[in-house]
């Protein structure tokens, strides 16, 4: 229920490309983001107390099970900022209503 009422996020899936040296690399797909509804659960955060440190926000994003092609090199835009994926997506199998992917994301410093 919460994923359906959740907020909208843009997810850039990953693709394999050949760089200018002929190497196969994994990059975020430049064709455009895919919009999904997600639920966000705060995991941990650390405030920047001393100049030169940065604030760290890590949040768990729960998305529907039909989202595929998301890896550590994907990007997420949610809550008005860009986030990196910090753990491989974990698939949670259940019945049709409860199966989902959970992805830990970290906010990029602004």
Protein backbone atom coordinates (compact mmCIF):
# COMPACT_ATOMS: atom_id res chain seq x y z
CA UNK A 1 0.00 0.00 0.00
CA UNK A 2 2.76 2.46 0.87
CA UNK A 3 4.56 2.03 -2.46
CA UNK A 4 1.38 2.90 -4.33
CA UNK A 5 0.87 6.02 -2.23
CA UNK A 6 4.60 6.76 -2.14
CA UNK A 7 6.50 9.47 -3.91
CA UNK A 8 7.73 9.58 -7.49
CA UNK A 9 11.42 8.91 -8.17
CA UNK A 10 13.43 8.97 -11.37
CA UNK A 11 15.81 6.03 -11.81
CA UNK A 12 18.51 5.82 -14.45
CA UNK A 13 19.12 2.16 -15.32
CA UNK A 14 22.55 0.92 -16.37
CA UNK A 15 23.75 -0.22 -19.77
CA UNK A 16 27.01 -1.63 -21.12
CA UNK A 17 28.82 0.64 -23.59
CA UNK A 18 32.16 0.61 -25.38
CA UNK A 19 34.38 3.57 -24.42
CA UNK A 20 36.83 5.34 -26.75
CA UNK A 21 39.57 2.82 -25.86
CA UNK A 22 37.45 -0.18 -26.83
CA UNK A 23 36.74 -1.28 -23.26
CA UNK A 24 33.30 -2.39 -22.16
CA UNK A 25 32.08 -0.16 -19.32
CA UNK A 26 28.88 0.04 -17.28
CA UNK A 27 27.29 3.50 -17.21
CA UNK A 28 23.96 5.09 -16.31
CA UNK A 29 21.66 5.06 -19.35
CA UNK A 30 21.59 8.50 -20.95
CA UNK A 31 18.31 7.79 -22.79
CA UNK A 32 16.39 9.12 -19.85
CA UNK A 33 15.09 8.18 -16.45
CA UNK A 34 12.28 5.80 -15.63
CA UNK A 35 9.68 7.08 -13.19
CA UNK A 36 8.64 4.78 -10.34
CA UNK A 37 6.58 5.12 -7.18
CA UNK A 38 8.62 4.32 -4.09
CA UNK A 39 8.61 4.32 -0.33
CA UNK A 40 11.59 5.82 1.52
CA UNK A 41 12.85 4.61 4.91
CA UNK A 42 15.67 6.62 6.55
CA UNK A 43 18.57 4.35 7.56
CA UNK A 44 21.29 6.56 9.02
CA UNK A 45 22.76 10.02 8.71
CA UNK A 46 25.75 11.96 9.98
CA UNK A 47 25.86 15.72 10.17
CA UNK A 48 28.89 17.74 9.18
CA UNK A 49 30.15 19.19 12.48
CA UNK A 50 33.60 20.37 11.39
CA UNK A 51 34.35 22.45 8.26
CA UNK A 52 35.52 20.16 5.48
CA UNK A 53 33.30 17.26 6.49
CA UNK A 54 30.19 16.38 4.55
CA UNK A 55 26.76 15.32 5.66
CA UNK A 56 25.86 11.71 4.90
CA UNK A 57 22.25 10.65 4.39
CA UNK A 58 21.46 7.02 3.62
CA UNK A 59 17.90 5.99 2.85
CA UNK A 60 16.35 2.67 1.85
CA UNK A 61 14.16 2.95 -1.24
CA UNK A 62 11.49 0.30 -1.81
CA UNK A 63 10.36 -0.05 -5.43
CA UNK A 64 8.08 -2.48 -7.31
CA UNK A 65 9.42 -5.89 -8.36
CA UNK A 66 9.12 -5.15 -12.09
CA UNK A 67 12.00 -2.62 -12.02
CA UNK A 68 15.04 -4.24 -13.62
CA UNK A 69 18.42 -3.05 -14.87
CA UNK A 70 19.32 -1.14 -11.70
CA UNK A 71 22.85 -1.72 -10.35
CA UNK A 72 25.47 0.13 -8.32
CA UNK A 73 26.18 2.42 -11.30
CA UNK A 74 22.59 3.67 -11.54
CA UNK A 75 21.46 7.11 -10.40
CA UNK A 76 18.29 8.14 -8.56
CA UNK A 77 16.62 11.53 -8.38
CA UNK A 78 14.17 11.87 -5.52
CA UNK A 79 13.20 14.62 -3.04
CA UNK A 80 14.79 17.24 -5.30
CA UNK A 81 18.34 15.86 -5.18
CA UNK A 82 20.48 13.23 -6.89
CA UNK A 83 21.39 10.02 -5.04
CA UNK A 84 23.91 7.22 -5.66
CA UNK A 85 23.13 3.56 -5.07
CA UNK A 86 25.41 2.23 -2.32
CA UNK A 87 24.36 -1.43 -2.01
CA UNK A 88 23.28 -3.88 -4.69
CA UNK A 89 19.49 -4.00 -5.00
CA UNK A 90 17.99 -6.79 -2.87
CA UNK A 91 14.98 -8.70 -4.20
CA UNK A 92 12.34 -9.68 -1.64
CA UNK A 93 10.04 -12.37 -2.96
CA UNK A 94 6.50 -12.71 -1.70
CA UNK A 95 3.07 -12.87 -3.19
CA UNK A 96 2.14 -10.52 -6.03
CA UNK A 97 1.34 -7.63 -3.70
CA UNK A 98 4.37 -7.80 -1.43
CA UNK A 99 7.35 -8.63 -3.68
CA UNK A 100 9.70 -5.69 -4.15
CA UNK A 101 13.28 -4.48 -4.52
CA UNK A 102 14.99 -2.59 -1.67
CA UNK A 103 17.86 -0.28 -2.61
CA UNK A 104 20.05 1.74 -0.23
CA UNK A 105 20.82 5.18 -1.65
CA UNK A 106 23.16 7.96 -0.50
CA UNK A 107 22.56 11.63 -1.20
CA UNK A 108 25.24 13.30 -3.29
CA UNK A 109 26.84 16.36 -1.67
CA UNK A 110 25.48 19.61 -2.99
